[in-house]
Amino acid sequence: MSTGLLLQYVLIGVIMLVSVLVVLRKLAPQLTNRWIASLAIRWNQPQRASWLRALARRMQPKQGSGDCSDGCSTCGACGPKKPAAAHPDIQPLKFNVRP
């Protein structure tokens, strides 16, 4: 196997890993926040290097402030917003089933 081919495989692997992580962050944000928080806790130990501890503090997910504007959804009070009032001239479709 040539060096160029090995470099190509490594680059494709890194691109695929990053794309999977981006998709997970979009589709499962609470799960990935737990993963990142647990990794940051493990890295932020006194016996670790200072640069690793600084990285762990930087990557720690933001905590909910209890304000409804932060979108933490821990209390369930924020919930989905009610839809705006529809225009009176717009009517929903009704489908009639033939007997």
PDB file of N, CA and C in Angstrom:
ATOM      1  N   MET A   1       0.855  -1.159   0.000  1.00  0.00           N
ATOM      2  CA  MET A   1       0.000   0.000   0.000  1.00  0.00           C
ATOM      3  C   MET A   1       0.909   1.232   0.000  1.00  0.00           C
ATOM      4  N   SER A   2       0.619   2.145  -0.901  1.00  0.00           N
ATOM      5  CA  SER A   2       1.460   3.332  -1.006  1.00  0.00           C
ATOM      6  C   SER A   2       1.071   4.364   0.057  1.00  0.00           C
ATOM      7  N   THR A   3       1.957   5.289   0.296  1.00  0.00           N
ATOM      8  CA  THR A   3       1.724   6.327   1.304  1.00  0.00           C
ATOM      9  C   THR A   3       0.555   7.219   0.913  1.00  0.00           C
ATOM     10  N   GLY A   4       0.435   7.520  -0.373  1.00  0.00           N
ATOM     11  CA  GLY A   4      -0.667   8.362  -0.850  1.00  0.00           C
ATOM     12  C   GLY A   4      -2.022   7.712  -0.620  1.00  0.00           C
ATOM     13  N   LEU A   5      -2.104   6.400  -0.862  1.00  0.00           N
ATOM     14  CA  LEU A   5      -3.356   5.688  -0.655  1.00  0.00           C
ATOM     15  C   LEU A   5      -3.712   5.613   0.831  1.00  0.00           C
ATOM     16  N   LEU A   6      -2.717   5.388   1.684  1.00  0.00           N
ATOM     17  CA  LEU A   6      -2.948   5.369   3.119  1.00  0.00           C
ATOM     18  C   LEU A   6      -3.426   6.733   3.617  1.00  0.00           C
ATOM     19  N   LEU A   7      -2.808   7.795   3.135  1.00  0.00           N
ATOM     20  CA  LEU A   7      -3.222   9.149   3.502  1.00  0.00           C
ATOM     21  C   LEU A   7      -4.652   9.424   3.048  1.00  0.00           C
ATOM     22  N   GLN A   8      -4.994   8.925   1.866  1.00  0.00           N
ATOM     23  CA  GLN A   8      -6.358   9.093   1.356  1.00  0.00           C
ATOM     24  C   GLN A   8      -7.362   8.378   2.258  1.00  0.00           C
ATOM     25  N   TYR A   9      -7.069   7.160   2.673  1.00  0.00           N
ATOM     26  CA  TYR A   9      -7.967   6.414   3.556  1.00  0.00           C
ATOM     27  C   TYR A   9      -8.114   7.102   4.917  1.00  0.00           C
ATOM     28  N   VAL A  10      -7.022   7.603   5.448  1.00  0.00           N
ATOM     29  CA  VAL A  10      -7.079   8.300   6.745  1.00  0.00           C
ATOM     30  C   VAL A  10      -7.916   9.565   6.609  1.00  0.00           C
ATOM     31  N   LEU A  11      -7.736  10.320   5.544  1.00  0.00           N
ATOM     32  CA  LEU A  11      -8.500  11.548   5.333  1.00  0.00           C
ATOM     33  C   LEU A  11      -9.990  11.253   5.165  1.00  0.00           C
ATOM     34  N   ILE A  12     -10.332  10.227   4.421  1.00  0.00           N
ATOM     35  CA  ILE A  12     -11.739   9.848   4.255  1.00  0.00           C
ATOM     36  C   ILE A  12     -12.328   9.403   5.588  1.00  0.00           C
ATOM     37  N   GLY A  13     -11.565   8.661   6.369  1.00  0.00           N
ATOM     38  CA  GLY A  13     -12.042   8.235   7.682  1.00  0.00           C
ATOM     39  C   GLY A  13     -12.311   9.405   8.606  1.00  0.00           C
ATOM     40  N   VAL A  14     -11.420  10.394   8.599  1.00  0.00           N
ATOM     41  CA  VAL A  14     -11.611  11.585   9.443  1.00  0.00           C
ATOM     42  C   VAL A  14     -12.834  12.363   8.988  1.00  0.00           C
ATOM     43  N   ILE A  15     -13.012  12.517   7.692  1.00  0.00           N
ATOM     44  CA  ILE A  15     -14.185  13.228   7.164  1.00  0.00           C
ATOM     45  C   ILE A  15     -15.468  12.501   7.547  1.00  0.00           C
ATOM     46  N   MET A  16     -15.482  11.188   7.450  1.00  0.00           N
ATOM     47  CA  MET A  16     -16.677  10.418   7.820  1.00  0.00           C
ATOM     48  C   MET A  16     -16.965  10.538   9.313  1.00  0.00           C
ATOM     49  N   LEU A  17     -15.939  10.497  10.145  1.00  0.00           N
ATOM     50  CA  LEU A  17     -16.124  10.627  11.589  1.00  0.00           C
ATOM     51  C   LEU A  17     -16.705  11.994  11.948  1.00  0.00           C
ATOM     52  N   VAL A  18     -16.179  13.043  11.336  1.00  0.00           N
ATOM     53  CA  VAL A  18     -16.690  14.389  11.597  1.00  0.00           C
ATOM     54  C   VAL A  18     -18.136  14.515  11.136  1.00  0.00           C
ATOM     55  N   SER A  19     -18.472  13.943   9.991  1.00  0.00           N
ATOM     56  CA  SER A  19     -19.844  14.040   9.492  1.00  0.00           C
ATOM     57  C   SER A  19     -20.812  13.271  10.386  1.00  0.00           C
ATOM     58  N   VAL A  20     -20.404  12.133  10.913  1.00  0.00           N
ATOM     59  CA  VAL A  20     -21.258  11.382  11.836  1.00  0.00           C
ATOM     60  C   VAL A  20     -21.482  12.181  13.117  1.00  0.00           C
ATOM     61  N   LEU A  21     -20.427  12.826  13.617  1.00  0.00           N
ATOM     62  CA  LEU A  21     -20.570  13.640  14.820  1.00  0.00           C
ATOM     63  C   LEU A  21     -21.495  14.835  14.597  1.00  0.00           C
ATOM     64  N   VAL A  22     -21.418  15.449  13.429  1.00  0.00           N
ATOM     65  CA  VAL A  22     -22.302  16.577  13.119  1.00  0.00           C
ATOM     66  C   VAL A  22     -23.752  16.115  13.054  1.00  0.00           C
ATOM     67  N   VAL A  23     -23.996  14.977  12.440  1.00  0.00           N
ATOM     68  CA  VAL A  23     -25.360  14.452  12.352  1.00  0.00           C
ATOM     69  C   VAL A  23     -25.883  14.100  13.743  1.00  0.00           C
ATOM     70  N   LEU A  24     -25.047  13.498  14.585  1.00  0.00           N
ATOM     71  CA  LEU A  24     -25.470  13.184  15.947  1.00  0.00           C
ATOM     72  C   LEU A  24     -25.787  14.448  16.740  1.00  0.00           C
ATOM     73  N   ARG A  25     -24.990  15.500  16.570  1.00  0.00           N
ATOM     74  CA  ARG A  25     -25.261  16.754  17.275  1.00  0.00           C
ATOM     75  C   ARG A  25     -26.587  17.353  16.839  1.00  0.00           C
ATOM     76  N   LYS A  26     -26.946  17.177  15.566  1.00  0.00           N
ATOM     77  CA  LYS A  26     -28.212  17.722  15.068  1.00  0.00           C
ATOM     78  C   LYS A  26     -29.403  16.879  15.513  1.00  0.00           C
ATOM     79  N   LEU A  27     -29.273  15.546  15.465  1.00  0.00           N
ATOM     80  CA  LEU A  27     -30.411  14.674  15.720  1.00  0.00           C
ATOM     81  C   LEU A  27     -30.562  14.260  17.175  1.00  0.00           C
ATOM     82  N   ALA A  28     -29.486  14.237  17.937  1.00  0.00           N
ATOM     83  CA  ALA A  28     -29.549  13.810  19.339  1.00  0.00           C
ATOM     84  C   ALA A  28     -28.706  14.747  20.203  1.00  0.00           C
ATOM     85  N   PRO A  29     -29.148  15.994  20.379  1.00  0.00           N
ATOM     86  CA  PRO A  29     -28.307  16.941  21.111  1.00  0.00           C
ATOM     87  C   PRO A  29     -28.146  16.609  22.590  1.00  0.00           C
ATOM     88  N   GLN A  30     -29.182  16.075  23.244  1.00  0.00           N
ATOM     89  CA  GLN A  30     -29.052  15.758  24.663  1.00  0.00           C
ATOM     90  C   GLN A  30     -28.080  14.598  24.877  1.00  0.00           C
ATOM     91  N   LEU A  31     -28.123  13.618  24.023  1.00  0.00           N
ATOM     92  CA  LEU A  31     -27.210  12.484  24.124  1.00  0.00           C
ATOM     93  C   LEU A  31     -25.765  12.936  23.934  1.00  0.00           C
ATOM     94  N   THR A  32     -25.519  13.735  22.910  1.00  0.00           N
ATOM     95  CA  THR A  32     -24.150  14.179  22.668  1.00  0.00           C
ATOM     96  C   THR A  32     -23.686  15.147  23.757  1.00  0.00           C
ATOM     97  N   ASN A  33     -24.598  15.934  24.336  1.00  0.00           N
ATOM     98  CA  ASN A  33     -24.197  16.789  25.461  1.00  0.00           C
ATOM     99  C   ASN A  33     -23.759  15.947  26.654  1.00  0.00           C
ATOM    100  N   ARG A  34     -24.451  14.830  26.898  1.00  0.00           N
ATOM    101  CA  ARG A  34     -24.038  13.936  27.988  1.00  0.00           C
ATOM    102  C   ARG A  34     -22.675  13.333  27.700  1.00  0.00           C
ATOM    103  N   TRP A  35     -22.441  12.911  26.454  1.00  0.00           N
ATOM    104  CA  TRP A  35     -21.150  12.342  26.091  1.00  0.00           C
ATOM    105  C   TRP A  35     -20.037  13.364  26.277  1.00  0.00           C
ATOM    106  N   ILE A  36     -20.262  14.581  25.790  1.00  0.00           N
ATOM    107  CA  ILE A  36     -19.247  15.621  25.890  1.00  0.00           C
ATOM    108  C   ILE A  36     -18.994  15.979  27.345  1.00  0.00           C
ATOM    109  N   ALA A  37     -20.055  16.053  28.153  1.00  0.00           N
ATOM    110  CA  ALA A  37     -19.886  16.378  29.570  1.00  0.00           C
ATOM    111  C   ALA A  37     -19.094  15.295  30.292  1.00  0.00           C
ATOM    112  N   SER A  38     -19.382  14.022  30.006  1.00  0.00           N
ATOM    113  CA  SER A  38     -18.633  12.957  30.673  1.00  0.00           C
ATOM    114  C   SER A  38     -17.164  12.954  30.241  1.00  0.00           C
ATOM    115  N   LEU A  39     -16.909  13.234  28.974  1.00  0.00           N
ATOM    116  CA  LEU A  39     -15.526  13.317  28.501  1.00  0.00           C
ATOM    117  C   LEU A  39     -14.808  14.510  29.141  1.00  0.00           C
ATOM    118  N   ALA A  40     -15.503  15.634  29.267  1.00  0.00           N
ATOM    119  CA  ALA A  40     -14.896  16.818  29.881  1.00  0.00           C
ATOM    120  C   ALA A  40     -14.607  16.579  31.360  1.00  0.00           C
ATOM    121  N   ILE A  41     -15.477  15.843  32.040  1.00  0.00           N
ATOM    122  CA  ILE A  41     -15.231  15.536  33.450  1.00  0.00           C
ATOM    123  C   ILE A  41     -13.996  14.652  33.601  1.00  0.00           C
ATOM    124  N   ARG A  42     -13.862  13.648  32.720  1.00  0.00           N
ATOM    125  CA  ARG A  42     -12.686  12.775  32.783  1.00  0.00           C
ATOM    126  C   ARG A  42     -11.399  13.522  32.466  1.00  0.00           C
ATOM    127  N   TRP A  43     -11.453  14.467  31.543  1.00  0.00           N
ATOM    128  CA  TRP A  43     -10.262  15.214  31.163  1.00  0.00           C
ATOM    129  C   TRP A  43      -9.913  16.310  32.164  1.00  0.00           C
ATOM    130  N   ASN A  44     -10.866  16.762  32.963  1.00  0.00           N
ATOM    131  CA  ASN A  44     -10.623  17.863  33.889  1.00  0.00           C
ATOM    132  C   ASN A  44     -10.234  17.327  35.268  1.00  0.00           C
ATOM    133  N   GLN A  45      -9.303  16.414  35.314  1.00  0.00           N
ATOM    134  CA  GLN A  45      -8.784  15.850  36.556  1.00  0.00           C
ATOM    135  C   GLN A  45      -7.447  16.516  36.895  1.00  0.00           C
ATOM    136  N   PRO A  46      -7.107  16.605  38.188  1.00  0.00           N
ATOM    137  CA  PRO A  46      -5.850  17.285  38.573  1.00  0.00           C
ATOM    138  C   PRO A  46      -4.591  16.648  37.997  1.00  0.00           C
ATOM    139  N   GLN A  47      -4.587  15.341  37.733  1.00  0.00           N
ATOM    140  CA  GLN A  47      -3.376  14.692  37.230  1.00  0.00           C
ATOM    141  C   GLN A  47      -3.193  14.864  35.722  1.00  0.00           C
ATOM    142  N   ARG A  48      -4.148  15.476  35.036  1.00  0.00           N
ATOM    143  CA  ARG A  48      -4.038  15.675  33.586  1.00  0.00           C
ATOM    144  C   ARG A  48      -3.184  16.901  33.270  1.00  0.00           C
ATOM    145  N   ALA A  49      -2.761  16.988  32.030  1.00  0.00           N
ATOM    146  CA  ALA A  49      -1.968  18.134  31.582  1.00  0.00           C
ATOM    147  C   ALA A  49      -2.825  19.400  31.593  1.00  0.00           C
ATOM    148  N   SER A  50      -2.183  20.528  31.729  1.00  0.00           N
ATOM    149  CA  SER A  50      -2.923  21.791  31.842  1.00  0.00           C
ATOM    150  C   SER A  50      -3.663  22.135  30.552  1.00  0.00           C
ATOM    151  N   TRP A  51      -3.064  21.817  29.398  1.00  0.00           N
ATOM    152  CA  TRP A  51      -3.741  22.117  28.142  1.00  0.00           C
ATOM    153  C   TRP A  51      -4.980  21.242  27.976  1.00  0.00           C
ATOM    154  N   LEU A  52      -4.925  19.999  28.482  1.00  0.00           N
ATOM    155  CA  LEU A  52      -6.081  19.109  28.383  1.00  0.00           C
ATOM    156  C   LEU A  52      -7.191  19.565  29.323  1.00  0.00           C
ATOM    157  N   ARG A  53      -6.820  20.049  30.499  1.00  0.00           N
ATOM    158  CA  ARG A  53      -7.809  20.573  31.439  1.00  0.00           C
ATOM    159  C   ARG A  53      -8.469  21.833  30.887  1.00  0.00           C
ATOM    160  N   ALA A  54      -7.681  22.692  30.218  1.00  0.00           N
ATOM    161  CA  ALA A  54      -8.244  23.902  29.617  1.00  0.00           C
ATOM    162  C   ALA A  54      -9.211  23.536  28.487  1.00  0.00           C
ATOM    163  N   LEU A  55      -8.851  22.538  27.698  1.00  0.00           N
ATOM    164  CA  LEU A  55      -9.741  22.072  26.637  1.00  0.00           C
ATOM    165  C   LEU A  55     -11.024  21.493  27.221  1.00  0.00           C
ATOM    166  N   ALA A  56     -10.924  20.754  28.317  1.00  0.00           N
ATOM    167  CA  ALA A  56     -12.102  20.172  28.956  1.00  0.00           C
ATOM    168  C   ALA A  56     -13.025  21.254  29.496  1.00  0.00           C
ATOM    169  N   ARG A  57     -12.471  22.297  30.086  1.00  0.00           N
ATOM    170  CA  ARG A  57     -13.313  23.390  30.581  1.00  0.00           C
ATOM    171  C   ARG A  57     -13.987  24.124  29.435  1.00  0.00           C
ATOM    172  N   ARG A  58     -13.316  24.209  28.303  1.00  0.00           N
ATOM    173  CA  ARG A  58     -13.879  24.914  27.152  1.00  0.00           C
ATOM    174  C   ARG A  58     -14.982  24.104  26.473  1.00  0.00           C
ATOM    175  N   MET A  59     -14.858  22.791  26.453  1.00  0.00           N
ATOM    176  CA  MET A  59     -15.844  21.973  25.752  1.00  0.00           C
ATOM    177  C   MET A  59     -17.014  21.558  26.638  1.00  0.00           C
ATOM    178  N   GLN A  60     -16.988  21.891  27.917  1.00  0.00           N
ATOM    179  CA  GLN A  60     -18.096  21.568  28.818  1.00  0.00           C
ATOM    180  C   GLN A  60     -19.371  22.239  28.311  1.00  0.00           C
ATOM    181  N   PRO A  61     -20.473  21.481  28.153  1.00  0.00           N
ATOM    182  CA  PRO A  61     -21.724  22.076  27.658  1.00  0.00           C
ATOM    183  C   PRO A  61     -22.247  23.135  28.625  1.00  0.00           C
ATOM    184  N   LYS A  62     -22.939  24.113  28.069  1.00  0.00           N
ATOM    185  CA  LYS A  62     -23.509  25.172  28.881  1.00  0.00           C
ATOM    186  C   LYS A  62     -24.643  24.612  29.729  1.00  0.00           C
ATOM    187  N   GLN A  63     -24.735  25.092  30.950  1.00  0.00           N
ATOM    188  CA  GLN A  63     -25.782  24.647  31.859  1.00  0.00           C
ATOM    189  C   GLN A  63     -27.001  25.539  31.693  1.00  0.00           C
ATOM    190  N   GLY A  64     -28.161  24.976  31.952  1.00  0.00           N
ATOM    191  CA  GLY A  64     -29.395  25.748  31.893  1.00  0.00           C
ATOM    192  C   GLY A  64     -29.441  26.756  33.031  1.00  0.00           C
ATOM    193  N   SER A  65     -29.896  27.965  32.730  1.00  0.00           N
ATOM    194  CA  SER A  65     -29.943  29.009  33.746  1.00  0.00           C
ATOM    195  C   SER A  65     -31.291  29.055  34.447  1.00  0.00           C
ATOM    196  N   GLY A  66     -32.246  28.268  33.994  1.00  0.00           N
ATOM    197  CA  GLY A  66     -33.581  28.312  34.583  1.00  0.00           C
ATOM    198  C   GLY A  66     -34.451  29.350  33.914  1.00  0.00           C
ATOM    199  N   ASP A  67     -33.906  30.077  32.967  1.00  0.00           N
ATOM    200  CA  ASP A  67     -34.656  31.080  32.235  1.00  0.00           C
ATOM    201  C   ASP A  67     -35.293  30.406  31.025  1.00  0.00           C
ATOM    202  N   CYS A  68     -36.481  30.796  30.687  1.00  0.00           N
ATOM    203  CA  CYS A  68     -37.174  30.156  29.561  1.00  0.00           C
ATOM    204  C   CYS A  68     -36.548  30.488  28.211  1.00  0.00           C
ATOM    205  N   SER A  69     -35.643  31.427  28.162  1.00  0.00           N
ATOM    206  CA  SER A  69     -35.049  31.788  26.880  1.00  0.00           C
ATOM    207  C   SER A  69     -33.827  30.941  26.539  1.00  0.00           C
ATOM    208  N   ASP A  70     -33.319  30.130  27.487  1.00  0.00           N
ATOM    209  CA  ASP A  70     -32.114  29.367  27.176  1.00  0.00           C
ATOM    210  C   ASP A  70     -32.408  28.050  26.468  1.00  0.00           C
ATOM    211  N   GLY A  71     -33.653  27.583  26.465  1.00  0.00           N
ATOM    212  CA  GLY A  71     -34.022  26.388  25.721  1.00  0.00           C
ATOM    213  C   GLY A  71     -33.497  25.103  26.314  1.00  0.00           C
ATOM    214  N   CYS A  72     -33.313  25.048  27.624  1.00  0.00           N
ATOM    215  CA  CYS A  72     -32.735  23.857  28.245  1.00  0.00           C
ATOM    216  C   CYS A  72     -33.747  22.715  28.324  1.00  0.00           C
ATOM    217  N   SER A  73     -35.022  23.025  28.380  1.00  0.00           N
ATOM    218  CA  SER A  73     -36.138  22.071  28.448  1.00  0.00           C
ATOM    219  C   SER A  73     -36.004  21.093  29.612  1.00  0.00           C
ATOM    220  N   THR A  74     -35.493  21.560  30.739  1.00  0.00           N
ATOM    221  CA  THR A  74     -35.391  20.683  31.890  1.00  0.00           C
ATOM    222  C   THR A  74     -36.666  20.658  32.709  1.00  0.00           C
ATOM    223  N   CYS A  75     -37.396  21.755  32.726  1.00  0.00           N
ATOM    224  CA  CYS A  75     -38.603  21.799  33.550  1.00  0.00           C
ATOM    225  C   CYS A  75     -39.863  21.485  32.755  1.00  0.00           C
ATOM    226  N   GLY A  76     -39.808  21.575  31.462  1.00  0.00           N
ATOM    227  CA  GLY A  76     -40.973  21.294  30.635  1.00  0.00           C
ATOM    228  C   GLY A  76     -41.929  22.470  30.529  1.00  0.00           C
ATOM    229  N   ALA A  77     -41.614  23.603  31.152  1.00  0.00           N
ATOM    230  CA  ALA A  77     -42.508  24.749  31.118  1.00  0.00           C
ATOM    231  C   ALA A  77     -42.415  25.507  29.799  1.00  0.00           C
ATOM    232  N   CYS A  78     -41.269  25.407  29.139  1.00  0.00           N
ATOM    233  CA  CYS A  78     -41.115  26.165  27.894  1.00  0.00           C
ATOM    234  C   CYS A  78     -41.969  25.550  26.789  1.00  0.00           C
ATOM    235  N   GLY A  79     -41.942  24.252  26.647  1.00  0.00           N
ATOM    236  CA  GLY A  79     -42.796  23.522  25.716  1.00  0.00           C
ATOM    237  C   GLY A  79     -42.854  24.125  24.327  1.00  0.00           C
ATOM    238  N   PRO A  80     -43.534  23.446  23.446  1.00  0.00           N
ATOM    239  CA  PRO A  80     -43.692  23.987  22.096  1.00  0.00           C
ATOM    240  C   PRO A  80     -44.662  25.165  22.109  1.00  0.00           C
ATOM    241  N   LYS A  81     -44.406  26.103  21.243  1.00  0.00           N
ATOM    242  CA  LYS A  81     -45.260  27.281  21.135  1.00  0.00           C
ATOM    243  C   LYS A  81     -46.554  26.926  20.412  1.00  0.00           C
ATOM    244  N   LYS A  82     -47.641  27.578  20.809  1.00  0.00           N
ATOM    245  CA  LYS A  82     -48.916  27.367  20.122  1.00  0.00           C
ATOM    246  C   LYS A  82     -48.828  28.014  18.752  1.00  0.00           C
ATOM    247  N   PRO A  83     -49.449  27.394  17.759  1.00  0.00           N
ATOM    248  CA  PRO A  83     -49.397  27.985  16.426  1.00  0.00           C
ATOM    249  C   PRO A  83     -50.166  29.305  16.385  1.00  0.00           C
ATOM    250  N   ALA A  84     -49.698  30.183  15.532  1.00  0.00           N
ATOM    251  CA  ALA A  84     -50.358  31.473  15.380  1.00  0.00           C
ATOM    252  C   ALA A  84     -51.752  31.258  14.798  1.00  0.00           C
ATOM    253  N   ALA A  85     -52.636  32.161  15.084  1.00  0.00           N
ATOM    254  CA  ALA A  85     -54.018  32.058  14.592  1.00  0.00           C
ATOM    255  C   ALA A  85     -54.015  32.049  13.068  1.00  0.00           C
ATOM    256  N   ALA A  86     -54.735  31.097  12.512  1.00  0.00           N
ATOM    257  CA  ALA A  86     -54.794  30.967  11.065  1.00  0.00           C
ATOM    258  C   ALA A  86     -55.687  32.062  10.490  1.00  0.00           C
ATOM    259  N   HIS A  87     -55.471  32.342   9.239  1.00  0.00           N
ATOM    260  CA  HIS A  87     -56.312  33.323   8.558  1.00  0.00           C
ATOM    261  C   HIS A  87     -57.724  32.767   8.454  1.00  0.00           C
ATOM    262  N   PRO A  88     -58.745  33.612   8.611  1.00  0.00           N
ATOM    263  CA  PRO A  88     -60.117  33.103   8.565  1.00  0.00           C
ATOM    264  C   PRO A  88     -60.523  32.582   7.190  1.00  0.00           C
ATOM    265  N   ASP A  89     -59.851  33.023   6.136  1.00  0.00           N
ATOM    266  CA  ASP A  89     -60.231  32.567   4.802  1.00  0.00           C
ATOM    267  C   ASP A  89     -59.572  31.241   4.428  1.00  0.00           C
ATOM    268  N   ILE A  90     -58.668  30.727   5.243  1.00  0.00           N
ATOM    269  CA  ILE A  90     -58.010  29.453   4.966  1.00  0.00           C
ATOM    270  C   ILE A  90     -58.719  28.363   5.767  1.00  0.00           C
ATOM    271  N   GLN A  91     -59.187  27.347   5.069  1.00  0.00           N
ATOM    272  CA  GLN A  91     -59.902  26.252   5.700  1.00  0.00           C
ATOM    273  C   GLN A  91     -59.103  24.961   5.526  1.00  0.00           C
ATOM    274  N   PRO A  92     -59.125  24.064   6.515  1.00  0.00           N
ATOM    275  CA  PRO A  92     -58.412  22.794   6.359  1.00  0.00           C
ATOM    276  C   PRO A  92     -59.122  21.890   5.362  1.00  0.00           C
ATOM    277  N   LEU A  93     -58.352  20.995   4.770  1.00  0.00           N
ATOM    278  CA  LEU A  93     -58.921  20.040   3.822  1.00  0.00           C
ATOM    279  C   LEU A  93     -59.686  18.958   4.572  1.00  0.00           C
ATOM    280  N   LYS A  94     -60.829  18.549   4.003  1.00  0.00           N
ATOM    281  CA  LYS A  94     -61.608  17.446   4.568  1.00  0.00           C
ATOM    282  C   LYS A  94     -61.760  16.404   3.467  1.00  0.00           C
ATOM    283  N   PHE A  95     -61.406  15.165   3.804  1.00  0.00           N
ATOM    284  CA  PHE A  95     -61.516  14.081   2.839  1.00  0.00           C
ATOM    285  C   PHE A  95     -62.692  13.189   3.247  1.00  0.00           C
ATOM    286  N   ASN A  96     -63.572  12.929   2.312  1.00  0.00           N
ATOM    287  CA  ASN A  96     -64.731  12.088   2.553  1.00  0.00           C
ATOM    288  C   ASN A  96     -64.441  10.695   1.989  1.00  0.00           C
ATOM    289  N   VAL A  97     -64.714   9.682   2.779  1.00  0.00           N
ATOM    290  CA  VAL A  97     -64.498   8.310   2.361  1.00  0.00           C
ATOM    291  C   VAL A  97     -65.747   7.824   1.639  1.00  0.00           C
ATOM    292  N   ARG A  98     -65.549   7.235   0.462  1.00  0.00           N
ATOM    293  CA  ARG A  98     -66.694   6.704  -0.301  1.00  0.00           C
ATOM    294  C   ARG A  98     -67.194   5.418   0.351  1.00  0.00           C
ATOM    295  N   PRO A  99     -68.504   5.258   0.421  1.00  0.00           N
ATOM    296  CA  PRO A  99     -69.050   4.029   1.027  1.00  0.00           C
ATOM    297  C   PRO A  99     -68.882   2.817   0.142  1.00  0.00           C
TER     298      PRO A  99
END
